[in-house]
């Protein structure tokens, strides 16, 4: 009888290879999911910044002297429903006011996405 050499993989080697491939694919899917979430959050942050900058630019370009106090208004960007909250404060110099615009996600009102502030001079 002659010993024949048989080439191939054993069942154990195939199972180990499948476990390694499965683990790496699972890690890859988690990484892709994380990147998608980060991309969505960055997009929301960018759009919220645009909303806040739009309001601050509107005040600046119209030479508006905003009344002291707080007001809320919708400020959607694209399909993203946003809620802006504007707070106007006095400053030690009566010729200036501090305007803060906070932008919240309408779907989660407790989550402030961004807050921008500027000092506005009295144009009169």
PDB file of N, CA and C in Angstrom:
ATOM      1  N   UNK A   1       0.820  -1.175   0.000  1.00  0.00           N
ATOM      2  CA  UNK A   1       0.000   0.000   0.000  1.00  0.00           C
ATOM      3  C   UNK A   1       0.861   1.233   0.000  1.00  0.00           C
ATOM      4  N   UNK A   2       0.404   2.173  -0.756  1.00  0.00           N
ATOM      5  CA  UNK A   2       1.169   3.408  -0.838  1.00  0.00           C
ATOM      6  C   UNK A   2       0.412   4.515  -0.103  1.00  0.00           C
ATOM      7  N   UNK A   3       1.166   5.350   0.553  1.00  0.00           N
ATOM      8  CA  UNK A   3       0.569   6.518   1.225  1.00  0.00           C
ATOM      9  C   UNK A   3       0.354   7.617   0.199  1.00  0.00           C
ATOM     10  N   UNK A   4      -0.879   7.985   0.091  1.00  0.00           N
ATOM     11  CA  UNK A   4      -1.167   9.092  -0.837  1.00  0.00           C
ATOM     12  C   UNK A   4      -1.307  10.366  -0.025  1.00  0.00           C
ATOM     13  N   UNK A   5      -0.699  11.417  -0.497  1.00  0.00           N
ATOM     14  CA  UNK A   5      -0.788  12.727   0.148  1.00  0.00           C
ATOM     15  C   UNK A   5      -2.063  13.396  -0.346  1.00  0.00           C
ATOM     16  N   UNK A   6      -2.913  13.812   0.550  1.00  0.00           N
ATOM     17  CA  UNK A   6      -4.148  14.460   0.163  1.00  0.00           C
ATOM     18  C   UNK A   6      -4.062  15.939   0.530  1.00  0.00           C
ATOM     19  N   UNK A   7      -4.263  16.801  -0.477  1.00  0.00           N
ATOM     20  CA  UNK A   7      -4.228  18.246  -0.265  1.00  0.00           C
ATOM     21  C   UNK A   7      -5.624  18.732   0.074  1.00  0.00           C
ATOM     22  N   UNK A   8      -5.692  19.805   0.845  1.00  0.00           N
ATOM     23  CA  UNK A   8      -6.981  20.396   1.188  1.00  0.00           C
ATOM     24  C   UNK A   8      -6.985  20.884   2.620  1.00  0.00           C
ATOM     25  N   UNK A   9      -8.122  21.399   3.012  1.00  0.00           N
ATOM     26  CA  UNK A   9      -8.278  21.945   4.364  1.00  0.00           C
ATOM     27  C   UNK A   9      -9.144  21.005   5.183  1.00  0.00           C
ATOM     28  N   UNK A  10      -8.844  20.962   6.456  1.00  0.00           N
ATOM     29  CA  UNK A  10      -9.694  20.175   7.345  1.00  0.00           C
ATOM     30  C   UNK A  10     -10.904  21.022   7.727  1.00  0.00           C
ATOM     31  N   UNK A  11     -11.913  20.376   8.260  1.00  0.00           N
ATOM     32  CA  UNK A  11     -13.127  21.075   8.670  1.00  0.00           C
ATOM     33  C   UNK A  11     -12.807  22.118   9.742  1.00  0.00           C
ATOM     34  N   UNK A  12     -11.924  21.827  10.632  1.00  0.00           N
ATOM     35  CA  UNK A  12     -11.538  22.757  11.697  1.00  0.00           C
ATOM     36  C   UNK A  12     -10.884  24.004  11.113  1.00  0.00           C
ATOM     37  N   UNK A  13     -10.021  23.844  10.139  1.00  0.00           N
ATOM     38  CA  UNK A  13      -9.375  25.005   9.505  1.00  0.00           C
ATOM     39  C   UNK A  13     -10.396  25.883   8.790  1.00  0.00           C
ATOM     40  N   UNK A  14     -11.359  25.280   8.141  1.00  0.00           N
ATOM     41  CA  UNK A  14     -12.408  26.048   7.449  1.00  0.00           C
ATOM     42  C   UNK A  14     -13.252  26.818   8.465  1.00  0.00           C
ATOM     43  N   UNK A  15     -13.605  26.181   9.568  1.00  0.00           N
ATOM     44  CA  UNK A  15     -14.406  26.859  10.587  1.00  0.00           C
ATOM     45  C   UNK A  15     -13.653  28.024  11.217  1.00  0.00           C
ATOM     46  N   UNK A  16     -12.376  27.854  11.480  1.00  0.00           N
ATOM     47  CA  UNK A  16     -11.563  28.946  12.036  1.00  0.00           C
ATOM     48  C   UNK A  16     -11.499  30.111  11.046  1.00  0.00           C
ATOM     49  N   UNK A  17     -11.325  29.822   9.786  1.00  0.00           N
ATOM     50  CA  UNK A  17     -11.284  30.866   8.761  1.00  0.00           C
ATOM     51  C   UNK A  17     -12.623  31.601   8.691  1.00  0.00           C
ATOM     52  N   UNK A  18     -13.741  30.876   8.779  1.00  0.00           N
ATOM     53  CA  UNK A  18     -15.059  31.508   8.751  1.00  0.00           C
ATOM     54  C   UNK A  18     -15.276  32.408   9.964  1.00  0.00           C
ATOM     55  N   UNK A  19     -14.810  31.988  11.122  1.00  0.00           N
ATOM     56  CA  UNK A  19     -14.934  32.820  12.329  1.00  0.00           C
ATOM     57  C   UNK A  19     -14.133  34.108  12.164  1.00  0.00           C
ATOM     58  N   UNK A  20     -12.940  34.014  11.635  1.00  0.00           N
ATOM     59  CA  UNK A  20     -12.097  35.199  11.424  1.00  0.00           C
ATOM     60  C   UNK A  20     -12.753  36.147  10.419  1.00  0.00           C
ATOM     61  N   UNK A  21     -13.232  35.621   9.310  1.00  0.00           N
ATOM     62  CA  UNK A  21     -13.891  36.458   8.290  1.00  0.00           C
ATOM     63  C   UNK A  21     -15.162  37.080   8.863  1.00  0.00           C
ATOM     64  N   UNK A  22     -15.950  36.320   9.585  1.00  0.00           N
ATOM     65  CA  UNK A  22     -17.189  36.841  10.179  1.00  0.00           C
ATOM     66  C   UNK A  22     -16.926  37.959  11.174  1.00  0.00           C
ATOM     67  N   UNK A  23     -15.904  37.787  11.991  1.00  0.00           N
ATOM     68  CA  UNK A  23     -15.545  38.816  12.970  1.00  0.00           C
ATOM     69  C   UNK A  23     -15.097  40.092  12.283  1.00  0.00           C
ATOM     70  N   UNK A  24     -14.281  39.954  11.256  1.00  0.00           N
ATOM     71  CA  UNK A  24     -13.806  41.155  10.559  1.00  0.00           C
ATOM     72  C   UNK A  24     -14.941  41.852   9.817  1.00  0.00           C
ATOM     73  N   UNK A  25     -15.873  41.110   9.241  1.00  0.00           N
ATOM     74  CA  UNK A  25     -17.027  41.724   8.578  1.00  0.00           C
ATOM     75  C   UNK A  25     -17.927  42.434   9.588  1.00  0.00           C
ATOM     76  N   UNK A  26     -18.115  41.848  10.742  1.00  0.00           N
ATOM     77  CA  UNK A  26     -18.909  42.494  11.794  1.00  0.00           C
ATOM     78  C   UNK A  26     -18.283  43.804  12.245  1.00  0.00           C
ATOM     79  N   UNK A  27     -16.970  43.804  12.425  1.00  0.00           N
ATOM     80  CA  UNK A  27     -16.261  45.035  12.814  1.00  0.00           C
ATOM     81  C   UNK A  27     -16.365  46.090  11.713  1.00  0.00           C
ATOM     82  N   UNK A  28     -16.279  45.663  10.478  1.00  0.00           N
ATOM     83  CA  UNK A  28     -16.404  46.599   9.350  1.00  0.00           C
ATOM     84  C   UNK A  28     -17.793  47.227   9.303  1.00  0.00           C
ATOM     85  N   UNK A  29     -18.824  46.436   9.513  1.00  0.00           N
ATOM     86  CA  UNK A  29     -20.185  46.960   9.515  1.00  0.00           C
ATOM     87  C   UNK A  29     -20.396  47.958  10.651  1.00  0.00           C
ATOM     88  N   UNK A  30     -19.838  47.683  11.819  1.00  0.00           N
ATOM     89  CA  UNK A  30     -19.933  48.619  12.938  1.00  0.00           C
ATOM     90  C   UNK A  30     -19.233  49.928  12.611  1.00  0.00           C
ATOM     91  N   UNK A  31     -18.076  49.837  11.971  1.00  0.00           N
ATOM     92  CA  UNK A  31     -17.335  51.041  11.599  1.00  0.00           C
ATOM     93  C   UNK A  31     -18.111  51.863  10.571  1.00  0.00           C
ATOM     94  N   UNK A  32     -18.711  51.215   9.604  1.00  0.00           N
ATOM     95  CA  UNK A  32     -19.510  51.922   8.597  1.00  0.00           C
ATOM     96  C   UNK A  32     -20.722  52.576   9.259  1.00  0.00           C
ATOM     97  N   UNK A  33     -21.367  51.885  10.168  1.00  0.00           N
ATOM     98  CA  UNK A  33     -22.504  52.460  10.895  1.00  0.00           C
ATOM     99  C   UNK A  33     -22.100  53.673  11.701  1.00  0.00           C
ATOM    100  N   UNK A  34     -20.957  53.608  12.336  1.00  0.00           N
ATOM    101  CA  UNK A  34     -20.450  54.738  13.116  1.00  0.00           C
ATOM    102  C   UNK A  34     -20.145  55.929  12.215  1.00  0.00           C
ATOM    103  N   UNK A  35     -19.553  55.666  11.062  1.00  0.00           N
ATOM    104  CA  UNK A  35     -19.258  56.753  10.116  1.00  0.00           C
ATOM    105  C   UNK A  35     -20.539  57.397   9.598  1.00  0.00           C
ATOM    106  N   UNK A  36     -21.563  56.596   9.367  1.00  0.00           N
ATOM    107  CA  UNK A  36     -22.844  57.124   8.900  1.00  0.00           C
ATOM    108  C   UNK A  36     -23.462  58.031   9.958  1.00  0.00           C
ATOM    109  N   UNK A  37     -23.428  57.601  11.208  1.00  0.00           N
ATOM    110  CA  UNK A  37     -23.960  58.416  12.300  1.00  0.00           C
ATOM    111  C   UNK A  37     -23.179  59.715  12.432  1.00  0.00           C
ATOM    112  N   UNK A  38     -21.853  59.636  12.379  1.00  0.00           N
ATOM    113  CA  UNK A  38     -21.024  60.838  12.478  1.00  0.00           C
ATOM    114  C   UNK A  38     -21.306  61.787  11.319  1.00  0.00           C
ATOM    115  N   UNK A  39     -21.485  61.247  10.133  1.00  0.00           N
ATOM    116  CA  UNK A  39     -21.781  62.068   8.956  1.00  0.00           C
ATOM    117  C   UNK A  39     -23.114  62.781   9.126  1.00  0.00           C
ATOM    118  N   UNK A  40     -24.114  62.090   9.646  1.00  0.00           N
ATOM    119  CA  UNK A  40     -25.432  62.685   9.860  1.00  0.00           C
ATOM    120  C   UNK A  40     -25.345  63.797  10.906  1.00  0.00           C
ATOM    121  N   UNK A  41     -24.586  63.568  11.983  1.00  0.00           N
ATOM    122  CA  UNK A  41     -24.433  64.585  13.018  1.00  0.00           C
ATOM    123  C   UNK A  41     -23.676  65.804  12.505  1.00  0.00           C
ATOM    124  N   UNK A  42     -22.650  65.581  11.707  1.00  0.00           N
ATOM    125  CA  UNK A  42     -21.904  66.702  11.131  1.00  0.00           C
ATOM    126  C   UNK A  42     -22.782  67.516  10.184  1.00  0.00           C
ATOM    127  N   UNK A  43     -23.603  66.844   9.423  1.00  0.00           N
ATOM    128  CA  UNK A  43     -24.520  67.537   8.507  1.00  0.00           C
ATOM    129  C   UNK A  43     -25.520  68.378   9.292  1.00  0.00           C
ATOM    130  N   UNK A  44     -26.074  67.823  10.370  1.00  0.00           N
ATOM    131  CA  UNK A  44     -27.019  68.567  11.213  1.00  0.00           C
ATOM    132  C   UNK A  44     -26.334  69.765  11.848  1.00  0.00           C
ATOM    133  N   UNK A  45     -25.102  69.590  12.291  1.00  0.00           N
ATOM    134  CA  UNK A  45     -24.351  70.692  12.888  1.00  0.00           C
ATOM    135  C   UNK A  45     -24.101  71.803  11.869  1.00  0.00           C
ATOM    136  N   UNK A  46     -23.752  71.423  10.650  1.00  0.00           N
ATOM    137  CA  UNK A  46     -23.505  72.410   9.605  1.00  0.00           C
ATOM    138  C   UNK A  46     -24.790  73.184   9.289  1.00  0.00           C
ATOM    139  N   UNK A  47     -25.906  72.485   9.169  1.00  0.00           N
ATOM    140  CA  UNK A  47     -27.168  73.146   8.856  1.00  0.00           C
ATOM    141  C   UNK A  47     -27.651  74.031  10.003  1.00  0.00           C
ATOM    142  N   UNK A  48     -27.420  73.596  11.238  1.00  0.00           N
ATOM    143  CA  UNK A  48     -27.781  74.418  12.395  1.00  0.00           C
ATOM    144  C   UNK A  48     -26.928  75.685  12.428  1.00  0.00           C
ATOM    145  N   UNK A  49     -25.657  75.561  12.074  1.00  0.00           N
ATOM    146  CA  UNK A  49     -24.781  76.733  12.005  1.00  0.00           C
ATOM    147  C   UNK A  49     -25.288  77.707  10.957  1.00  0.00           C
ATOM    148  N   UNK A  50     -25.719  77.201   9.814  1.00  0.00           N
ATOM    149  CA  UNK A  50     -26.272  78.070   8.772  1.00  0.00           C
ATOM    150  C   UNK A  50     -27.498  78.820   9.287  1.00  0.00           C
ATOM    151  N   UNK A  51     -28.377  78.131  10.009  1.00  0.00           N
ATOM    152  CA  UNK A  51     -29.581  78.772  10.531  1.00  0.00           C
ATOM    153  C   UNK A  51     -29.229  79.895  11.501  1.00  0.00           C
ATOM    154  N   UNK A  52     -28.315  79.622  12.418  1.00  0.00           N
ATOM    155  CA  UNK A  52     -27.917  80.645  13.387  1.00  0.00           C
ATOM    156  C   UNK A  52     -27.213  81.810  12.690  1.00  0.00           C
ATOM    157  N   UNK A  53     -26.326  81.505  11.753  1.00  0.00           N
ATOM    158  CA  UNK A  53     -25.628  82.568  11.031  1.00  0.00           C
ATOM    159  C   UNK A  53     -26.592  83.395  10.185  1.00  0.00           C
ATOM    160  N   UNK A  54     -27.625  82.746   9.624  1.00  0.00           N
ATOM    161  CA  UNK A  54     -28.625  83.486   8.855  1.00  0.00           C
ATOM    162  C   UNK A  54     -29.298  84.544   9.722  1.00  0.00           C
ATOM    163  N   UNK A  55     -29.706  84.165  10.933  1.00  0.00           N
ATOM    164  CA  UNK A  55     -30.378  85.126  11.818  1.00  0.00           C
ATOM    165  C   UNK A  55     -29.425  86.241  12.240  1.00  0.00           C
ATOM    166  N   UNK A  56     -28.201  85.898  12.602  1.00  0.00           N
ATOM    167  CA  UNK A  56     -27.242  86.923  13.020  1.00  0.00           C
ATOM    168  C   UNK A  56     -26.897  87.854  11.860  1.00  0.00           C
ATOM    169  N   UNK A  57     -26.793  87.319  10.664  1.00  0.00           N
ATOM    170  CA  UNK A  57     -26.536  88.157   9.481  1.00  0.00           C
ATOM    171  C   UNK A  57     -27.722  89.066   9.198  1.00  0.00           C
ATOM    172  N   UNK A  58     -28.913  88.549   9.380  1.00  0.00           N
ATOM    173  CA  UNK A  58     -30.121  89.344   9.176  1.00  0.00           C
ATOM    174  C   UNK A  58     -30.129  90.553  10.117  1.00  0.00           C
ATOM    175  N   UNK A  59     -29.772  90.350  11.364  1.00  0.00           N
ATOM    176  CA  UNK A  59     -29.697  91.453  12.335  1.00  0.00           C
ATOM    177  C   UNK A  59     -28.638  92.460  11.905  1.00  0.00           C
ATOM    178  N   UNK A  60     -27.479  91.948  11.524  1.00  0.00           N
ATOM    179  CA  UNK A  60     -26.350  92.808  11.157  1.00  0.00           C
ATOM    180  C   UNK A  60     -26.653  93.622   9.893  1.00  0.00           C
ATOM    181  N   UNK A  61     -27.180  92.974   8.860  1.00  0.00           N
ATOM    182  CA  UNK A  61     -27.422  93.652   7.586  1.00  0.00           C
ATOM    183  C   UNK A  61     -28.576  94.655   7.657  1.00  0.00           C
ATOM    184  N   UNK A  62     -29.568  94.371   8.499  1.00  0.00           N
ATOM    185  CA  UNK A  62     -30.712  95.274   8.632  1.00  0.00           C
ATOM    186  C   UNK A  62     -30.441  96.378   9.659  1.00  0.00           C
ATOM    187  N   UNK A  63     -29.257  96.349  10.270  1.00  0.00           N
ATOM    188  CA  UNK A  63     -28.903  97.299  11.336  1.00  0.00           C
ATOM    189  C   UNK A  63     -30.004  97.321  12.397  1.00  0.00           C
ATOM    190  N   UNK A  64     -30.471  96.127  12.718  1.00  0.00           N
ATOM    191  CA  UNK A  64     -31.570  95.941  13.661  1.00  0.00           C
ATOM    192  C   UNK A  64     -31.085  96.157  15.090  1.00  0.00           C
ATOM    193  N   UNK A  65     -31.895  96.799  15.911  1.00  0.00           N
ATOM    194  CA  UNK A  65     -31.621  96.955  17.331  1.00  0.00           C
ATOM    195  C   UNK A  65     -32.603  96.039  18.052  1.00  0.00           C
ATOM    196  N   UNK A  66     -32.212  94.772  18.292  1.00  0.00           N
ATOM    197  CA  UNK A  66     -33.161  93.792  18.837  1.00  0.00           C
ATOM    198  C   UNK A  66     -33.578  94.132  20.273  1.00  0.00           C
ATOM    199  N   UNK A  67     -34.828  93.846  20.577  1.00  0.00           N
ATOM    200  CA  UNK A  67     -35.349  94.068  21.921  1.00  0.00           C
ATOM    201  C   UNK A  67     -34.775  93.023  22.877  1.00  0.00           C
ATOM    202  N   UNK A  68     -34.530  93.456  24.090  1.00  0.00           N
ATOM    203  CA  UNK A  68     -34.014  92.544  25.112  1.00  0.00           C
ATOM    204  C   UNK A  68     -35.082  91.502  25.428  1.00  0.00           C
ATOM    205  N   UNK A  69     -34.668  90.276  25.521  1.00  0.00           N
ATOM    206  CA  UNK A  69     -35.593  89.199  25.843  1.00  0.00           C
ATOM    207  C   UNK A  69     -35.301  87.942  25.044  1.00  0.00           C
ATOM    208  N   UNK A  70     -36.277  87.062  25.034  1.00  0.00           N
ATOM    209  CA  UNK A  70     -36.111  85.764  24.367  1.00  0.00           C
ATOM    210  C   UNK A  70     -37.270  85.543  23.412  1.00  0.00           C
ATOM    211  N   UNK A  71     -36.961  84.940  22.273  1.00  0.00           N
ATOM    212  CA  UNK A  71     -38.008  84.532  21.334  1.00  0.00           C
ATOM    213  C   UNK A  71     -37.570  83.258  20.633  1.00  0.00           C
ATOM    214  N   UNK A  72     -38.555  82.477  20.217  1.00  0.00           N
ATOM    215  CA  UNK A  72     -38.291  81.233  19.501  1.00  0.00           C
ATOM    216  C   UNK A  72     -38.974  81.287  18.142  1.00  0.00           C
ATOM    217  N   UNK A  73     -38.355  80.648  17.166  1.00  0.00           N
ATOM    218  CA  UNK A  73     -38.927  80.585  15.833  1.00  0.00           C
ATOM    219  C   UNK A  73     -38.367  79.365  15.126  1.00  0.00           C
ATOM    220  N   UNK A  74     -39.137  78.879  14.162  1.00  0.00           N
ATOM    221  CA  UNK A  74     -38.667  77.743  13.373  1.00  0.00           C
ATOM    222  C   UNK A  74     -37.656  78.236  12.351  1.00  0.00           C
ATOM    223  N   UNK A  75     -36.627  77.450  12.142  1.00  0.00           N
ATOM    224  CA  UNK A  75     -35.573  77.810  11.181  1.00  0.00           C
ATOM    225  C   UNK A  75     -35.085  76.550  10.460  1.00  0.00           C
ATOM    226  N   UNK A  76     -35.972  75.883   9.724  1.00  0.00           N
ATOM    227  CA  UNK A  76     -35.591  74.623   9.075  1.00  0.00           C
ATOM    228  C   UNK A  76     -34.554  74.841   7.982  1.00  0.00           C
ATOM    229  N   UNK A  77     -33.756  73.848   7.774  1.00  0.00           N
ATOM    230  CA  UNK A  77     -32.771  73.825   6.682  1.00  0.00           C
ATOM    231  C   UNK A  77     -32.997  72.525   5.927  1.00  0.00           C
ATOM    232  N   UNK A  78     -33.428  72.639   4.677  1.00  0.00           N
ATOM    233  CA  UNK A  78     -33.704  71.436   3.894  1.00  0.00           C
ATOM    234  C   UNK A  78     -34.795  70.629   4.566  1.00  0.00           C
ATOM    235  N   UNK A  79     -34.573  69.343   4.707  1.00  0.00           N
ATOM    236  CA  UNK A  79     -35.565  68.472   5.340  1.00  0.00           C
ATOM    237  C   UNK A  79     -35.357  68.363   6.844  1.00  0.00           C
ATOM    238  N   UNK A  80     -34.390  69.113   7.379  1.00  0.00           N
ATOM    239  CA  UNK A  80     -34.083  69.049   8.814  1.00  0.00           C
ATOM    240  C   UNK A  80     -34.915  70.082   9.575  1.00  0.00           C
ATOM    241  N   UNK A  81     -35.852  69.632  10.434  1.00  0.00           N
ATOM    242  CA  UNK A  81     -36.677  70.585  11.188  1.00  0.00           C
ATOM    243  C   UNK A  81     -35.893  71.133  12.379  1.00  0.00           C
ATOM    244  N   UNK A  82     -35.621  72.418  12.359  1.00  0.00           N
ATOM    245  CA  UNK A  82     -34.847  73.053  13.418  1.00  0.00           C
ATOM    246  C   UNK A  82     -35.673  74.133  14.108  1.00  0.00           C
ATOM    247  N   UNK A  83     -35.378  74.367  15.375  1.00  0.00           N
ATOM    248  CA  UNK A  83     -36.025  75.412  16.157  1.00  0.00           C
ATOM    249  C   UNK A  83     -34.915  76.328  16.680  1.00  0.00           C
ATOM    250  N   UNK A  84     -35.038  77.626  16.389  1.00  0.00           N
ATOM    251  CA  UNK A  84     -34.052  78.592  16.863  1.00  0.00           C
ATOM    252  C   UNK A  84     -34.595  79.324  18.072  1.00  0.00           C
ATOM    253  N   UNK A  85     -33.708  79.617  18.993  1.00  0.00           N
ATOM    254  CA  UNK A  85     -34.057  80.389  20.182  1.00  0.00           C
ATOM    255  C   UNK A  85     -33.085  81.558  20.257  1.00  0.00           C
ATOM    256  N   UNK A  86     -33.630  82.765  20.239  1.00  0.00           N
ATOM    257  CA  UNK A  86     -32.807  83.979  20.251  1.00  0.00           C
ATOM    258  C   UNK A  86     -32.925  84.647  21.622  1.00  0.00           C
ATOM    259  N   UNK A  87     -31.783  84.884  22.258  1.00  0.00           N
ATOM    260  CA  UNK A  87     -31.732  85.584  23.530  1.00  0.00           C
ATOM    261  C   UNK A  87     -30.942  86.868  23.334  1.00  0.00           C
ATOM    262  N   UNK A  88     -31.526  87.985  23.743  1.00  0.00           N
ATOM    263  CA  UNK A  88     -30.867  89.281  23.628  1.00  0.00           C
ATOM    264  C   UNK A  88     -30.641  89.813  25.034  1.00  0.00           C
ATOM    265  N   UNK A  89     -29.391  90.197  25.326  1.00  0.00           N
ATOM    266  CA  UNK A  89     -29.003  90.688  26.640  1.00  0.00           C
ATOM    267  C   UNK A  89     -28.423  92.091  26.531  1.00  0.00           C
ATOM    268  N   UNK A  90     -28.570  92.841  27.617  1.00  0.00           N
ATOM    269  CA  UNK A  90     -27.899  94.132  27.676  1.00  0.00           C
ATOM    270  C   UNK A  90     -26.427  93.888  27.973  1.00  0.00           C
ATOM    271  N   UNK A  91     -25.621  94.895  27.698  1.00  0.00           N
ATOM    272  CA  UNK A  91     -24.190  94.829  28.007  1.00  0.00           C
ATOM    273  C   UNK A  91     -23.857  96.010  28.909  1.00  0.00           C
ATOM    274  N   UNK A  92     -22.681  96.018  29.518  1.00  0.00           N
ATOM    275  CA  UNK A  92     -22.299  97.166  30.350  1.00  0.00           C
ATOM    276  C   UNK A  92     -22.322  98.486  29.569  1.00  0.00           C
ATOM    277  N   UNK A  93     -22.070  98.413  28.270  1.00  0.00           N
ATOM    278  CA  UNK A  93     -22.147  99.594  27.420  1.00  0.00           C
ATOM    279  C   UNK A  93     -23.548  99.630  26.813  1.00  0.00           C
ATOM    280  N   UNK A  94     -24.351 100.668  27.123  1.00  0.00           N
ATOM    281  CA  UNK A  94     -25.732 100.696  26.630  1.00  0.00           C
ATOM    282  C   UNK A  94     -25.851 100.824  25.112  1.00  0.00           C
ATOM    283  N   UNK A  95     -24.770 101.065  24.415  1.00  0.00           N
ATOM    284  CA  UNK A  95     -24.807 101.178  22.951  1.00  0.00           C
ATOM    285  C   UNK A  95     -24.681  99.819  22.261  1.00  0.00           C
ATOM    286  N   UNK A  96     -24.552  98.760  23.042  1.00  0.00           N
ATOM    287  CA  UNK A  96     -24.392  97.420  22.475  1.00  0.00           C
ATOM    288  C   UNK A  96     -25.343  96.440  23.145  1.00  0.00           C
ATOM    289  N   UNK A  97     -25.697  95.414  22.405  1.00  0.00           N
ATOM    290  CA  UNK A  97     -26.486  94.301  22.933  1.00  0.00           C
ATOM    291  C   UNK A  97     -25.835  93.006  22.490  1.00  0.00           C
ATOM    292  N   UNK A  98     -25.932  92.010  23.350  1.00  0.00           N
ATOM    293  CA  UNK A  98     -25.408  90.681  23.026  1.00  0.00           C
ATOM    294  C   UNK A  98     -26.564  89.810  22.555  1.00  0.00           C
ATOM    295  N   UNK A  99     -26.403  89.231  21.377  1.00  0.00           N
ATOM    296  CA  UNK A  99     -27.440  88.361  20.794  1.00  0.00           C
ATOM    297  C   UNK A  99     -26.874  86.948  20.712  1.00  0.00           C
ATOM    298  N   UNK A 100     -27.597  86.000  21.309  1.00  0.00           N
ATOM    299  CA  UNK A 100     -27.213  84.588  21.249  1.00  0.00           C
ATOM    300  C   UNK A 100     -28.320  83.827  20.527  1.00  0.00           C
ATOM    301  N   UNK A 101     -27.939  83.030  19.558  1.00  0.00           N
ATOM    302  CA  UNK A 101     -28.901  82.193  18.834  1.00  0.00           C
ATOM    303  C   UNK A 101     -28.519  80.734  19.068  1.00  0.00           C
ATOM    304  N   UNK A 102     -29.432  80.002  19.692  1.00  0.00           N
ATOM    305  CA  UNK A 102     -29.254  78.566  19.912  1.00  0.00           C
ATOM    306  C   UNK A 102     -30.166  77.824  18.949  1.00  0.00           C
ATOM    307  N   UNK A 103     -29.674  76.727  18.407  1.00  0.00           N
ATOM    308  CA  UNK A 103     -30.460  75.937  17.450  1.00  0.00           C
ATOM    309  C   UNK A 103     -30.658  74.541  18.031  1.00  0.00           C
ATOM    310  N   UNK A 104     -31.925  74.126  18.032  1.00  0.00           N
ATOM    311  CA  UNK A 104     -32.311  72.829  18.586  1.00  0.00           C
ATOM    312  C   UNK A 104     -32.917  71.970  17.485  1.00  0.00           C
ATOM    313  N   UNK A 105     -32.786  70.661  17.642  1.00  0.00           N
ATOM    314  CA  UNK A 105     -33.427  69.709  16.742  1.00  0.00           C
ATOM    315  C   UNK A 105     -34.878  69.571  17.179  1.00  0.00           C
ATOM    316  N   UNK A 106     -35.829  69.818  16.269  1.00  0.00           N
ATOM    317  CA  UNK A 106     -37.258  69.723  16.603  1.00  0.00           C
ATOM    318  C   UNK A 106     -37.651  68.325  17.050  1.00  0.00           C
ATOM    319  N   UNK A 107     -36.955  67.308  16.564  1.00  0.00           N
ATOM    320  CA  UNK A 107     -37.295  65.931  16.930  1.00  0.00           C
ATOM    321  C   UNK A 107     -36.860  65.614  18.352  1.00  0.00           C
ATOM    322  N   UNK A 108     -35.862  66.356  18.856  1.00  0.00           N
ATOM    323  CA  UNK A 108     -35.371  66.169  20.223  1.00  0.00           C
ATOM    324  C   UNK A 108     -35.104  67.559  20.787  1.00  0.00           C
ATOM    325  N   UNK A 109     -36.154  68.190  21.311  1.00  0.00           N
ATOM    326  CA  UNK A 109     -36.084  69.578  21.743  1.00  0.00           C
ATOM    327  C   UNK A 109     -35.050  69.861  22.814  1.00  0.00           C
ATOM    328  N   UNK A 110     -34.633  68.863  23.560  1.00  0.00           N
ATOM    329  CA  UNK A 110     -33.651  69.073  24.615  1.00  0.00           C
ATOM    330  C   UNK A 110     -32.226  69.105  24.064  1.00  0.00           C
ATOM    331  N   UNK A 111     -32.053  68.728  22.832  1.00  0.00           N
ATOM    332  CA  UNK A 111     -30.702  68.631  22.256  1.00  0.00           C
ATOM    333  C   UNK A 111     -30.353  69.906  21.506  1.00  0.00           C
ATOM    334  N   UNK A 112     -29.506  70.732  22.132  1.00  0.00           N
ATOM    335  CA  UNK A 112     -29.036  71.927  21.440  1.00  0.00           C
ATOM    336  C   UNK A 112     -27.886  71.520  20.532  1.00  0.00           C
ATOM    337  N   UNK A 113     -28.000  71.876  19.261  1.00  0.00           N
ATOM    338  CA  UNK A 113     -26.970  71.508  18.295  1.00  0.00           C
ATOM    339  C   UNK A 113     -25.839  72.523  18.310  1.00  0.00           C
ATOM    340  N   UNK A 114     -26.196  73.809  18.352  1.00  0.00           N
ATOM    341  CA  UNK A 114     -25.173  74.851  18.292  1.00  0.00           C
ATOM    342  C   UNK A 114     -25.685  76.120  18.955  1.00  0.00           C
ATOM    343  N   UNK A 115     -24.740  76.951  19.385  1.00  0.00           N
ATOM    344  CA  UNK A 115     -25.069  78.247  19.971  1.00  0.00           C
ATOM    345  C   UNK A 115     -24.048  79.248  19.452  1.00  0.00           C
ATOM    346  N   UNK A 116     -24.534  80.314  18.798  1.00  0.00           N
ATOM    347  CA  UNK A 116     -23.670  81.366  18.294  1.00  0.00           C
ATOM    348  C   UNK A 116     -24.069  82.687  18.941  1.00  0.00           C
ATOM    349  N   UNK A 117     -23.107  83.571  19.092  1.00  0.00           N
ATOM    350  CA  UNK A 117     -23.377  84.870  19.722  1.00  0.00           C
ATOM    351  C   UNK A 117     -22.642  85.962  18.966  1.00  0.00           C
ATOM    352  N   UNK A 118     -23.226  87.170  19.043  1.00  0.00           N
ATOM    353  CA  UNK A 118     -22.554  88.349  18.475  1.00  0.00           C
ATOM    354  C   UNK A 118     -23.018  89.565  19.260  1.00  0.00           C
ATOM    355  N   UNK A 119     -22.205  90.599  19.201  1.00  0.00           N
ATOM    356  CA  UNK A 119     -22.530  91.869  19.840  1.00  0.00           C
ATOM    357  C   UNK A 119     -23.011  92.815  18.744  1.00  0.00           C
ATOM    358  N   UNK A 120     -24.156  93.451  18.996  1.00  0.00           N
ATOM    359  CA  UNK A 120     -24.793  94.321  18.006  1.00  0.00           C
ATOM    360  C   UNK A 120     -24.714  95.774  18.487  1.00  0.00           C
ATOM    361  N   UNK A 121     -24.204  96.665  17.637  1.00  0.00           N
ATOM    362  CA  UNK A 121     -24.177  98.080  18.022  1.00  0.00           C
ATOM    363  C   UNK A 121     -25.516  98.765  17.701  1.00  0.00           C
ATOM    364  N   UNK A 122     -25.841  99.793  18.468  1.00  0.00           N
ATOM    365  CA  UNK A 122     -27.022 100.573  18.175  1.00  0.00           C
ATOM    366  C   UNK A 122     -26.711 101.488  16.996  1.00  0.00           C
ATOM    367  N   UNK A 123     -27.468 101.354  15.915  1.00  0.00           N
ATOM    368  CA  UNK A 123     -27.180 102.103  14.674  1.00  0.00           C
ATOM    369  C   UNK A 123     -27.634 103.558  14.792  1.00  0.00           C
ATOM    370  N   UNK A 124     -28.445 103.914  15.776  1.00  0.00           N
ATOM    371  CA  UNK A 124     -28.947 105.281  15.892  1.00  0.00           C
ATOM    372  C   UNK A 124     -27.961 106.211  16.523  1.00  0.00           C
TER     373      UNK A 124
END
